[in-house]
Amino acid sequence: MLRTLICCLALLMPVGAGATLPAGVTLVPGHWTPGGQPDGNSVLFDGAEGLVLLDTGRHIDHARLLIETVRARGKPLRWIVNSHWHLDHIGGNAELRAAFPQARLMASDSIRGARSGFLARYRGQVLEQLDKPDTSEAQRMAFRRELAIIDNQAAQTPDVRVQATGEQALAGRRFIVGLARQAATAGDVWLHDIDARVLASGDLVTLPVPFFDTACAERWSAALDTLAAQSFEQLIPGHGPAMSREEFERYRRGFKALLLCAASTKPGPDCTSGWIDALGELIPAAEQRLAKNYLGYYLEEHLRAAPDKARAFCPKAG
């Protein structure tokens, strides 16, 4: 069963484009095919000197769409930025870097630890699935791509490592390049387009629920406070449609309330219902059952897990 290692990477629904974004900012939404794994959102920023791409999805079709989108702009791709190392955000790196060899890759250094930890465990589980006689050929193809992504270290190793939050000009466009340590992952990179007032958060914000599999929940909450301090008007999450600042604040309040509930003696269903109520229309009725299932799992396996498990992602906790 792969759920414990891929739950955070699988959003079991299509995602839309959300509100209209400013000129020069394009959301290429992630998609999900039933029975398979998703692609995270990708965001393309159009600068005076070229293009900046945040995240490359997982599947070859998503990578090809990104390549077509870049070529249609008629400008060079200068930067690929990986928000974090989950496979649904780095899976197209190899194809994009082959198509645009001038592009430099920017990311945190957290994938180094993941290779000997989370990704190593996941790789072992994928190999087990490949050995099972009842695994279909379509599943085998998907699993082989997962292995190829994990094993292609050159495609995932950044040319420039983000080590702290600061303002940078990328392809002639002004950004605050942010780094959150020990949040959704050990190192989450976000981009705030200063002039467009758009913040691309990666998986620091995801719908319909936060994905806690590799997370330090308390520091993630602090990272959301850091995002709130930015002067953005729209936020593009790692999964789900773009949201307004007011919708992000609703998400942030709901996140904090969820952690408080998880730390209490309240029954799990009360916590999951509280999340649904707090987010309101951000979680459509058709997605509420899924959200409750996810949160029930996370409450048991992560938010209310044994202290030793929590310390795996919060090294100084306890």
Protein backbone atom coordinates (compact mmCIF):
# COMPACT_ATOMS: atom_id res chain seq x y z
CA MET A 1 0.00 0.00 0.00
CA LEU A 2 1.59 3.28 -1.14
CA ARG A 3 -0.78 5.62 0.66
CA THR A 4 1.58 6.60 3.45
CA LEU A 5 4.17 7.80 0.95
CA ILE A 6 2.05 9.33 -1.79
CA CYS A 7 -0.97 10.69 0.01
CA CYS A 8 0.54 14.14 0.08
CA LEU A 9 1.28 13.93 -3.63
CA ALA A 10 -2.18 12.93 -4.79
CA LEU A 11 -5.02 15.39 -5.19
CA LEU A 12 -7.92 13.27 -6.32
CA MET A 13 -9.69 15.85 -8.44
CA PRO A 14 -9.07 18.18 -11.39
CA VAL A 15 -8.15 21.74 -10.55
CA GLY A 16 -9.35 24.86 -12.29
CA ALA A 17 -7.73 28.13 -13.24
CA GLY A 18 -9.62 30.15 -10.64
CA ALA A 19 -9.80 33.94 -10.83
CA THR A 20 -8.35 35.96 -13.71
CA LEU A 21 -4.66 36.60 -13.14
CA PRO A 22 -2.74 39.77 -14.09
CA ALA A 23 -0.99 40.06 -17.43
CA GLY A 24 2.31 38.24 -17.46
CA VAL A 25 1.23 35.53 -15.01
CA THR A 26 -0.11 32.22 -16.33
CA LEU A 27 -1.38 29.30 -14.29
CA VAL A 28 -0.98 25.93 -15.99
CA PRO A 29 -3.24 23.84 -13.75
CA GLY A 30 -2.34 20.40 -12.58
CA HIS A 31 -4.67 17.60 -13.61
CA TRP A 32 -5.55 14.20 -12.26
CA THR A 33 -6.63 11.07 -14.08
CA PRO A 34 -8.55 8.53 -11.95
CA GLY A 35 -6.28 5.68 -10.97
CA GLY A 36 -3.13 7.73 -11.44
CA GLN A 37 -1.05 10.39 -9.74
CA PRO A 38 -1.57 14.16 -10.16
CA ASP A 39 0.43 17.04 -11.52
CA GLY A 40 0.84 20.04 -9.25
CA ASN A 41 0.13 23.52 -10.54
CA SER A 42 2.76 25.25 -12.66
CA VAL A 43 3.05 29.04 -12.92
CA LEU A 44 4.72 30.94 -15.76
CA PHE A 45 5.93 34.52 -15.26
CA ASP A 46 6.70 36.66 -18.33
CA GLY A 47 9.67 38.97 -17.75
CA ALA A 48 11.39 41.54 -19.93
CA GLU A 49 14.37 39.22 -20.39
CA GLY A 50 12.53 35.91 -20.66
CA LEU A 51 10.36 33.53 -18.69
CA VAL A 52 10.34 32.09 -15.18
CA LEU A 53 8.57 28.78 -14.52
CA LEU A 54 7.57 27.57 -11.08
CA ASP A 55 7.21 23.76 -10.93
CA THR A 56 7.06 21.25 -13.76
CA GLY A 57 4.35 18.74 -12.78
CA ARG A 58 4.75 14.99 -12.85
CA HIS A 59 3.57 13.49 -16.13
CA ILE A 60 4.98 13.76 -19.62
CA ASP A 61 1.76 15.35 -20.93
CA HIS A 62 2.06 18.18 -18.42
CA ALA A 63 5.71 18.71 -19.33
CA ARG A 64 4.85 18.81 -23.03
CA LEU A 65 2.11 21.37 -22.38
CA LEU A 66 4.60 23.53 -20.51
CA ILE A 67 7.10 23.26 -23.36
CA GLU A 68 4.42 24.28 -25.87
CA THR A 69 3.33 27.17 -23.66
CA VAL A 70 6.89 28.46 -23.31
CA ARG A 71 7.57 28.19 -27.04
CA ALA A 72 4.35 30.03 -27.83
CA ARG A 73 5.62 33.01 -25.80
CA GLY A 74 8.57 33.44 -28.15
CA LYS A 75 10.92 34.20 -25.27
CA PRO A 76 13.71 32.15 -23.71
CA LEU A 77 12.99 30.23 -20.52
CA ARG A 78 15.55 31.68 -18.11
CA TRP A 79 14.60 30.01 -14.83
CA ILE A 80 12.90 26.88 -13.58
CA VAL A 81 12.06 27.13 -9.89
CA ASN A 82 11.04 24.06 -7.89
CA SER A 83 8.88 24.96 -4.91
CA HIS A 84 9.74 21.62 -3.26
CA TRP A 85 10.82 18.08 -4.12
CA HIS A 86 7.47 16.22 -4.28
CA LEU A 87 7.33 14.35 -7.57
CA ASP A 88 4.23 16.16 -8.80
CA HIS A 89 6.25 19.41 -8.80
CA ILE A 90 9.63 18.27 -10.18
CA GLY A 91 8.63 15.43 -12.53
CA GLY A 92 8.93 17.48 -15.72
CA ASN A 93 12.36 18.91 -14.91
CA ALA A 94 14.20 16.57 -17.25
CA GLU A 95 11.98 17.35 -20.24
CA LEU A 96 12.00 21.11 -19.60
CA ARG A 97 15.76 21.25 -19.09
CA ALA A 98 16.35 19.23 -22.26
CA ALA A 99 14.05 21.49 -24.28
CA PHE A 100 15.51 24.71 -22.82
CA PRO A 101 19.14 24.00 -21.85
CA GLN A 102 19.79 27.69 -21.15
CA ALA A 103 17.33 27.62 -18.24
CA ARG A 104 18.84 27.49 -14.75
CA LEU A 105 17.21 25.51 -11.96
CA MET A 106 16.56 27.16 -8.61
CA ALA A 107 15.40 25.23 -5.52
CA SER A 108 16.18 24.62 -1.89
CA ASP A 109 18.62 21.89 -0.90
CA SER A 110 15.97 19.75 0.80
CA ILE A 111 15.87 17.11 -1.93
CA ARG A 112 19.24 15.85 -0.67
CA GLY A 113 17.71 14.66 2.58
CA ALA A 114 14.63 13.34 0.81
CA ARG A 115 16.75 11.10 -1.41
CA SER A 116 18.01 9.10 1.56
CA GLY A 117 14.73 9.26 3.45
CA PHE A 118 11.25 9.73 2.05
CA LEU A 119 12.11 9.15 -1.62
CA ALA A 120 14.23 6.11 -0.81
CA ARG A 121 11.30 4.53 1.04
CA TYR A 122 8.90 5.41 -1.73
CA ARG A 123 11.28 4.00 -4.33
CA GLY A 124 11.32 0.70 -2.44
CA GLN A 125 7.53 0.58 -2.39
CA VAL A 126 7.36 1.29 -6.12
CA LEU A 127 9.74 -1.61 -6.79
CA GLU A 128 7.50 -3.86 -4.68
CA GLN A 129 4.51 -2.87 -6.78
CA LEU A 130 6.39 -3.60 -9.99
CA ASP A 131 7.13 -7.12 -8.72
CA LYS A 132 3.47 -7.93 -8.14
CA PRO A 133 1.92 -10.06 -10.90
CA ASP A 134 -1.43 -8.25 -10.71
CA THR A 135 0.07 -4.83 -11.48
CA SER A 136 -1.31 -3.71 -14.85
CA GLU A 137 0.88 -2.57 -17.70
CA ALA A 138 -0.48 0.97 -17.39
CA GLN A 139 0.46 0.97 -13.71
CA ARG A 140 3.90 -0.40 -14.54
CA MET A 141 4.49 2.45 -16.98
CA ALA A 142 3.48 4.99 -14.35
CA PHE A 143 5.71 3.36 -11.74
CA ARG A 144 8.67 3.30 -14.15
CA ARG A 145 8.28 7.04 -14.67
CA GLU A 146 8.25 7.55 -10.91
CA LEU A 147 11.55 5.65 -10.70
CA ALA A 148 13.00 7.65 -13.58
CA ILE A 149 12.16 10.93 -11.86
CA ILE A 150 13.69 9.81 -8.56
CA ASP A 151 16.81 8.36 -10.17
CA ASN A 152 17.55 11.33 -12.46
CA GLN A 153 19.41 13.31 -9.83
CA ALA A 154 21.01 15.62 -12.39
CA ALA A 155 17.61 16.94 -13.49
CA GLN A 156 16.55 17.66 -9.91
CA THR A 157 19.79 19.16 -8.56
CA PRO A 158 19.56 22.97 -8.53
CA ASP A 159 22.09 25.27 -10.16
CA VAL A 160 21.18 27.89 -7.57
CA ARG A 161 20.16 26.94 -4.03
CA VAL A 162 17.72 29.16 -2.19
CA GLN A 163 19.15 29.64 1.29
CA ALA A 164 17.15 32.60 2.62
CA THR A 165 14.25 34.86 1.73
CA GLY A 166 15.13 37.95 -0.28
CA GLU A 167 14.31 40.13 -3.28
CA GLN A 168 15.71 39.03 -6.63
CA ALA A 169 15.30 39.98 -10.27
CA LEU A 170 14.61 36.92 -12.41
CA ALA A 171 14.37 37.35 -16.19
CA GLY A 172 13.84 41.08 -15.66
CA ARG A 173 10.90 40.60 -13.25
CA ARG A 174 11.00 41.55 -9.57
CA PHE A 175 10.34 38.78 -7.05
CA ILE A 176 10.65 38.07 -3.41
CA VAL A 177 12.03 34.53 -3.44
CA GLY A 178 11.00 33.00 -0.15
CA LEU A 179 12.21 29.98 1.79
CA ALA A 180 10.28 28.23 4.56
CA ARG A 181 12.29 25.66 6.50
CA GLN A 182 10.61 22.57 7.99
CA ALA A 183 7.12 23.54 6.83
CA ALA A 184 5.25 21.43 4.26
CA THR A 185 8.67 19.94 3.49
CA ALA A 186 12.16 20.57 4.84
CA GLY A 187 12.55 23.46 2.40
CA ASP A 188 9.62 25.17 0.61
CA VAL A 189 10.34 27.90 -1.93
CA TRP A 190 7.70 30.48 -2.83
CA LEU A 191 7.64 33.36 -5.31
CA HIS A 192 6.00 36.74 -4.73
CA ASP A 193 5.74 38.71 -7.97
CA ILE A 194 6.08 42.21 -6.49
CA ASP A 195 4.58 44.25 -9.32
CA ALA A 196 1.77 41.86 -10.25
CA ARG A 197 1.06 41.24 -6.54
CA VAL A 198 0.72 37.52 -7.13
CA LEU A 199 2.18 34.98 -4.73
CA ALA A 200 2.82 31.41 -5.91
CA SER A 201 3.01 29.33 -2.74
CA GLY A 202 3.74 25.79 -3.85
CA ASP A 203 2.33 23.31 -1.35
CA LEU A 204 2.35 25.78 1.53
CA VAL A 205 -1.27 26.21 0.40
CA THR A 206 -3.24 23.30 -1.08
CA LEU A 207 -6.90 22.50 -1.54
CA PRO A 208 -9.01 20.77 -0.39
CA VAL A 209 -6.72 20.08 2.62
CA PRO A 210 -3.12 20.67 3.70
CA PHE A 211 -0.98 17.62 2.91
CA PHE A 212 0.89 16.75 6.11
CA ASP A 213 2.91 13.68 5.04
CA THR A 214 6.29 15.44 5.07
CA ALA A 215 5.24 18.40 7.19
CA CYS A 216 6.16 20.06 10.47
CA ALA A 217 2.70 21.43 11.22
CA GLU A 218 3.69 24.14 13.71
CA ARG A 219 6.40 25.61 11.49
CA TRP A 220 4.07 25.34 8.53
CA SER A 221 1.62 27.53 10.44
CA ALA A 222 4.41 30.07 10.98
CA ALA A 223 5.21 29.95 7.25
CA LEU A 224 1.60 30.89 6.48
CA ASP A 225 2.05 33.92 8.75
CA THR A 226 5.11 34.88 6.69
CA LEU A 227 3.08 34.63 3.50
CA ALA A 228 0.38 36.79 5.07
CA ALA A 229 2.97 39.53 5.62
CA GLN A 230 3.52 39.84 1.85
CA SER A 231 1.61 42.49 -0.12
CA PHE A 232 -0.08 40.13 -2.58
CA GLU A 233 -3.62 40.32 -3.90
CA GLN A 234 -3.87 36.83 -5.38
CA LEU A 235 -2.31 33.53 -4.37
CA ILE A 236 -1.73 30.49 -6.57
CA PRO A 237 -1.60 27.32 -4.45
CA GLY A 238 0.30 24.14 -5.19
CA HIS A 239 -3.02 22.41 -5.87
CA GLY A 240 -6.33 24.06 -6.55
CA PRO A 241 -7.51 27.30 -8.16
CA ALA A 242 -6.07 30.74 -7.57
CA MET A 243 -7.51 32.50 -4.55
CA SER A 244 -7.97 36.05 -3.33
CA ARG A 245 -6.21 37.45 -0.30
CA GLU A 246 -9.43 37.12 1.70
CA GLU A 247 -9.70 33.45 0.72
CA PHE A 248 -6.09 32.87 1.76
CA GLU A 249 -6.81 34.42 5.15
CA ARG A 250 -9.74 32.05 5.53
CA TYR A 251 -7.38 29.18 4.72
CA ARG A 252 -4.82 30.42 7.26
CA ARG A 253 -7.42 30.75 10.03
CA GLY A 254 -8.76 27.30 9.22
CA PHE A 255 -5.25 25.83 9.35
CA LYS A 256 -4.59 27.26 12.80
CA ALA A 257 -7.99 26.09 14.05
CA LEU A 258 -7.28 22.60 12.72
CA LEU A 259 -3.99 22.41 14.63
CA LEU A 260 -5.67 23.59 17.82
CA CYS A 261 -8.38 20.96 17.42
CA ALA A 262 -5.79 18.26 16.71
CA ALA A 263 -3.97 19.18 19.92
CA SER A 264 -7.18 18.92 21.94
CA THR A 265 -9.22 15.93 23.07
CA LYS A 266 -12.02 16.67 20.62
CA PRO A 267 -13.12 13.76 18.41
CA GLY A 268 -11.51 13.65 14.99
CA PRO A 269 -14.79 14.23 13.11
CA ASP A 270 -15.20 17.51 14.99
CA CYS A 271 -11.81 18.66 13.69
CA THR A 272 -12.57 17.66 10.09
CA SER A 273 -15.99 19.30 10.18
CA GLY A 274 -14.39 22.43 11.62
CA TRP A 275 -12.02 22.59 8.65
CA ILE A 276 -14.88 22.25 6.17
CA ASP A 277 -16.89 24.94 7.94
CA ALA A 278 -13.92 27.31 8.19
CA LEU A 279 -13.11 27.17 4.48
CA GLY A 280 -16.70 27.43 3.27
CA GLU A 281 -17.03 27.63 -0.51
CA LEU A 282 -13.29 27.00 -0.97
CA ILE A 283 -14.25 23.34 -0.57
CA PRO A 284 -17.24 22.61 -2.85
CA ALA A 285 -19.83 20.13 -1.61
CA ALA A 286 -18.60 17.50 -4.08
CA GLU A 287 -15.12 17.60 -2.49
CA GLN A 288 -16.09 17.60 1.17
CA ARG A 289 -16.16 13.84 1.60
CA LEU A 290 -12.68 13.60 0.12
CA ALA A 291 -11.44 16.36 2.42
CA LYS A 292 -12.85 14.59 5.47
CA ASN A 293 -11.21 11.31 4.43
CA TYR A 294 -7.85 12.99 4.03
CA LEU A 295 -8.05 14.83 7.33
CA GLY A 296 -9.16 11.72 9.16
CA TYR A 297 -6.03 10.02 7.90
CA TYR A 298 -3.77 12.95 8.76
CA LEU A 299 -5.18 13.31 12.25
CA GLU A 300 -4.41 9.69 12.99
CA GLU A 301 -1.10 9.31 11.18
CA HIS A 302 0.47 12.75 11.62
CA LEU A 303 -1.22 15.44 13.68
CA ARG A 304 -1.90 13.05 16.56
CA ALA A 305 1.01 10.72 15.87
CA ALA A 306 3.56 9.55 18.44
CA PRO A 307 6.22 12.16 19.35
CA ASP A 308 8.99 10.18 17.65
CA LYS A 309 7.13 10.40 14.33
CA ALA A 310 6.57 14.13 14.73
CA ARG A 311 10.29 14.66 15.41
CA ALA A 312 11.12 13.14 12.03
CA PHE A 313 9.84 16.33 10.38
CA CYS A 314 10.29 18.76 13.32
CA PRO A 315 13.87 17.93 14.33
CA LYS A 316 13.84 20.21 17.39
CA ALA A 317 10.33 19.29 18.54
CA GLY A 318 9.84 17.83 22.00
